[in-house]
Every structure is written in structure tokens, then in C-alpha cells.
């Protein structure tokens, strides 16, 4: 797990949009999607519900919460 992937995840959770995250961090939208997908694969769970054309993403707080508590 790379630090830049965590930064991307946090920014995407704050902004609720992979496109806006890409603009803020200076990445392409595809790069953000790849980073989030790699993180989800590594953790074994989906972290966002993708919402189609608008590239908006809603974080799945239950998945994140369960990952945090299971690793403590």
C-alpha cells in the first residue's frame, strides 16, 4: 500500500468524486480509478459505490469501519 494511494483515497472520500480528486491532485481520472481499484483489491472489499456518468463516488463507511476495527 503506497502513501499516494491513501492520499488519493482520503481526497476521494472528502470530495465524493474521482474526477474532482484527479483535478485537485493533478492526476488523470483514470489514474485515480486505478489507485482506488488497487486499494480495494488489496483490502478485499469495495470502498466506494460508483454512481455512473458523473464519476461521483459515495464511500462505503461500513466497509472502511470494519477494516479499521479488524486491524486494530
N, C-alpha and C. Protein backbone atom coordinates (compact mmCIF):
# COMPACT_ATOMS: atom_id res chain seq x y z
N UNK A 1 0.85 -1.17 0.00
CA UNK A 1 0.00 0.00 0.00
C UNK A 1 0.90 1.23 0.00
N UNK A 2 0.71 2.07 -0.99
CA UNK A 2 1.54 3.26 -1.13
C UNK A 2 0.85 4.48 -0.50
N UNK A 3 1.66 5.39 -0.01
CA UNK A 3 1.14 6.60 0.63
C UNK A 3 0.28 7.40 -0.34
N UNK A 4 0.69 7.49 -1.61
CA UNK A 4 -0.09 8.29 -2.56
C UNK A 4 -1.48 7.68 -2.77
N UNK A 5 -1.59 6.36 -2.65
CA UNK A 5 -2.89 5.71 -2.78
C UNK A 5 -3.80 6.08 -1.62
N UNK A 6 -3.24 6.15 -0.43
CA UNK A 6 -4.00 6.55 0.75
C UNK A 6 -4.44 8.01 0.63
N UNK A 7 -3.55 8.86 0.17
CA UNK A 7 -3.89 10.28 -0.05
C UNK A 7 -5.02 10.39 -1.06
N UNK A 8 -4.93 9.63 -2.14
CA UNK A 8 -5.98 9.64 -3.16
C UNK A 8 -7.30 9.16 -2.58
N UNK A 9 -7.27 8.09 -1.80
CA UNK A 9 -8.49 7.57 -1.16
C UNK A 9 -9.12 8.62 -0.25
N UNK A 10 -8.32 9.25 0.58
CA UNK A 10 -8.84 10.26 1.52
C UNK A 10 -9.45 11.43 0.76
N UNK A 11 -8.78 11.90 -0.28
CA UNK A 11 -9.29 13.03 -1.06
C UNK A 11 -10.59 12.64 -1.77
N UNK A 12 -10.64 11.43 -2.32
CA UNK A 12 -11.86 10.97 -2.99
C UNK A 12 -13.02 10.87 -2.00
N UNK A 13 -12.73 10.42 -0.78
CA UNK A 13 -13.77 10.35 0.25
C UNK A 13 -14.26 11.75 0.61
N UNK A 14 -13.35 12.71 0.70
CA UNK A 14 -13.72 14.09 1.02
C UNK A 14 -14.54 14.73 -0.09
N UNK A 15 -14.12 14.52 -1.33
CA UNK A 15 -14.74 15.21 -2.46
C UNK A 15 -15.93 14.46 -3.06
N UNK A 16 -15.98 13.14 -2.86
CA UNK A 16 -17.09 12.36 -3.40
C UNK A 16 -17.08 12.24 -4.90
N UNK A 17 -15.92 12.46 -5.51
CA UNK A 17 -15.82 12.42 -6.97
C UNK A 17 -14.40 12.07 -7.38
N UNK A 18 -14.28 11.05 -8.22
CA UNK A 18 -12.95 10.68 -8.73
C UNK A 18 -12.43 11.76 -9.68
N UNK A 19 -13.32 12.38 -10.44
CA UNK A 19 -12.91 13.44 -11.37
C UNK A 19 -12.36 14.65 -10.63
N UNK A 20 -13.08 15.09 -9.60
CA UNK A 20 -12.60 16.22 -8.82
C UNK A 20 -11.31 15.88 -8.08
N UNK A 21 -11.22 14.66 -7.60
CA UNK A 21 -9.99 14.20 -6.94
C UNK A 21 -8.82 14.28 -7.90
N UNK A 22 -9.02 13.82 -9.12
CA UNK A 22 -7.97 13.88 -10.13
C UNK A 22 -7.53 15.32 -10.39
N UNK A 23 -8.49 16.22 -10.50
CA UNK A 23 -8.15 17.63 -10.75
C UNK A 23 -7.35 18.22 -9.60
N UNK A 24 -7.76 17.96 -8.39
CA UNK A 24 -7.09 18.52 -7.21
C UNK A 24 -5.67 17.95 -7.06
N UNK A 25 -5.51 16.65 -7.30
CA UNK A 25 -4.22 16.01 -7.10
C UNK A 25 -3.31 16.05 -8.33
N UNK A 26 -3.86 16.52 -9.45
CA UNK A 26 -3.07 16.60 -10.67
C UNK A 26 -2.88 15.28 -11.38
N UNK A 27 -3.82 14.36 -11.21
CA UNK A 27 -3.80 13.06 -11.87
C UNK A 27 -4.89 13.02 -12.93
N UNK A 28 -4.85 12.02 -13.78
CA UNK A 28 -5.98 11.77 -14.67
C UNK A 28 -7.06 11.04 -13.86
N UNK A 29 -8.29 11.12 -14.35
CA UNK A 29 -9.38 10.42 -13.68
C UNK A 29 -9.11 8.92 -13.71
N UNK A 30 -8.54 8.43 -14.79
CA UNK A 30 -8.22 7.00 -14.91
C UNK A 30 -7.20 6.57 -13.86
N UNK A 31 -6.22 7.43 -13.58
CA UNK A 31 -5.20 7.10 -12.57
C UNK A 31 -5.83 6.99 -11.18
N UNK A 32 -6.77 7.87 -10.89
CA UNK A 32 -7.47 7.81 -9.59
C UNK A 32 -8.26 6.50 -9.50
N UNK A 33 -8.96 6.17 -10.56
CA UNK A 33 -9.75 4.93 -10.58
C UNK A 33 -8.85 3.72 -10.36
N UNK A 34 -7.70 3.70 -11.03
CA UNK A 34 -6.76 2.58 -10.89
C UNK A 34 -6.25 2.49 -9.45
N UNK A 35 -5.90 3.62 -8.86
CA UNK A 35 -5.39 3.61 -7.48
C UNK A 35 -6.44 3.09 -6.51
N UNK A 36 -7.68 3.55 -6.66
CA UNK A 36 -8.76 3.10 -5.77
C UNK A 36 -9.02 1.61 -5.98
N UNK A 37 -9.02 1.16 -7.23
CA UNK A 37 -9.23 -0.26 -7.52
C UNK A 37 -8.12 -1.11 -6.91
N UNK A 38 -6.87 -0.66 -7.00
CA UNK A 38 -5.76 -1.40 -6.39
C UNK A 38 -5.94 -1.49 -4.87
N UNK A 39 -6.35 -0.40 -4.26
CA UNK A 39 -6.57 -0.40 -2.82
C UNK A 39 -7.70 -1.36 -2.45
N UNK A 40 -8.79 -1.32 -3.21
CA UNK A 40 -9.91 -2.22 -2.95
C UNK A 40 -9.48 -3.68 -3.12
N UNK A 41 -8.69 -3.96 -4.14
CA UNK A 41 -8.20 -5.33 -4.35
C UNK A 41 -7.31 -5.77 -3.20
N UNK A 42 -6.44 -4.88 -2.75
CA UNK A 42 -5.54 -5.21 -1.65
C UNK A 42 -6.30 -5.47 -0.35
N UNK A 43 -7.34 -4.68 -0.12
CA UNK A 43 -8.12 -4.82 1.12
C UNK A 43 -9.23 -5.86 1.01
N UNK A 44 -9.54 -6.26 -0.21
CA UNK A 44 -10.55 -7.29 -0.41
C UNK A 44 -11.98 -6.82 -0.24
N UNK A 45 -12.22 -5.53 -0.45
CA UNK A 45 -13.58 -5.00 -0.34
C UNK A 45 -13.73 -3.74 -1.18
N UNK A 46 -14.94 -3.47 -1.62
CA UNK A 46 -15.23 -2.23 -2.33
C UNK A 46 -15.33 -1.11 -1.31
N UNK A 47 -14.67 -0.01 -1.59
CA UNK A 47 -14.67 1.12 -0.66
C UNK A 47 -15.62 2.23 -1.10
N UNK A 48 -16.02 2.22 -2.37
CA UNK A 48 -16.91 3.25 -2.90
C UNK A 48 -18.02 2.61 -3.71
N UNK A 49 -19.18 3.23 -3.70
CA UNK A 49 -20.25 2.92 -4.65
C UNK A 49 -20.09 3.91 -5.79
N UNK A 50 -19.81 3.41 -6.98
CA UNK A 50 -19.68 4.29 -8.14
C UNK A 50 -21.06 4.69 -8.63
N UNK A 51 -21.19 5.94 -9.06
CA UNK A 51 -22.50 6.45 -9.42
C UNK A 51 -22.62 6.83 -10.91
N UNK A 52 -21.92 6.15 -11.79
CA UNK A 52 -22.11 6.34 -13.22
C UNK A 52 -21.43 7.55 -13.82
N UNK A 53 -22.12 8.15 -14.79
CA UNK A 53 -21.54 9.19 -15.64
C UNK A 53 -20.88 10.35 -14.90
N UNK A 54 -21.48 10.79 -13.83
CA UNK A 54 -20.94 11.94 -13.12
C UNK A 54 -19.65 11.65 -12.39
N UNK A 55 -19.20 10.39 -12.43
CA UNK A 55 -17.98 9.98 -11.74
C UNK A 55 -18.03 10.26 -10.25
N UNK A 56 -19.23 10.38 -9.70
CA UNK A 56 -19.30 10.60 -8.26
C UNK A 56 -19.18 9.26 -7.56
N UNK A 57 -18.66 9.32 -6.36
CA UNK A 57 -18.44 8.09 -5.59
C UNK A 57 -18.86 8.35 -4.16
N UNK A 58 -19.59 7.43 -3.61
CA UNK A 58 -20.01 7.52 -2.22
C UNK A 58 -19.26 6.45 -1.45
N UNK A 59 -18.55 6.88 -0.44
CA UNK A 59 -17.75 5.95 0.34
C UNK A 59 -18.65 4.98 1.10
N UNK A 60 -18.22 3.76 1.15
CA UNK A 60 -18.94 2.72 1.88
C UNK A 60 -18.35 2.68 3.29
N UNK A 61 -18.89 3.51 4.16
CA UNK A 61 -18.32 3.68 5.50
C UNK A 61 -18.30 2.39 6.30
N UNK A 62 -19.28 1.53 6.10
CA UNK A 62 -19.28 0.26 6.84
C UNK A 62 -18.06 -0.56 6.49
N UNK A 63 -17.70 -0.61 5.20
CA UNK A 63 -16.53 -1.37 4.78
C UNK A 63 -15.26 -0.79 5.39
N UNK A 64 -15.15 0.54 5.37
CA UNK A 64 -13.96 1.19 5.92
C UNK A 64 -13.90 0.98 7.42
N UNK A 65 -15.02 1.14 8.10
CA UNK A 65 -15.08 0.98 9.54
C UNK A 65 -14.69 -0.44 9.96
N UNK A 66 -15.21 -1.43 9.24
CA UNK A 66 -14.90 -2.81 9.60
C UNK A 66 -13.43 -3.12 9.36
N UNK A 67 -12.83 -2.54 8.32
CA UNK A 67 -11.42 -2.75 8.06
C UNK A 67 -10.58 -2.13 9.15
N UNK A 68 -10.97 -0.94 9.61
CA UNK A 68 -10.21 -0.24 10.65
C UNK A 68 -10.27 -1.01 11.97
N UNK A 69 -11.43 -1.50 12.32
CA UNK A 69 -11.57 -2.18 13.61
C UNK A 69 -10.98 -3.58 13.57
N UNK A 70 -11.00 -4.24 12.43
CA UNK A 70 -10.45 -5.59 12.36
C UNK A 70 -8.93 -5.59 12.36
N UNK A 71 -8.31 -4.44 12.06
CA UNK A 71 -6.84 -4.34 12.03
C UNK A 71 -6.26 -3.75 13.28
N UNK A 72 -7.10 -3.42 14.27
CA UNK A 72 -6.55 -2.82 15.50
C UNK A 72 -6.30 -3.84 16.56
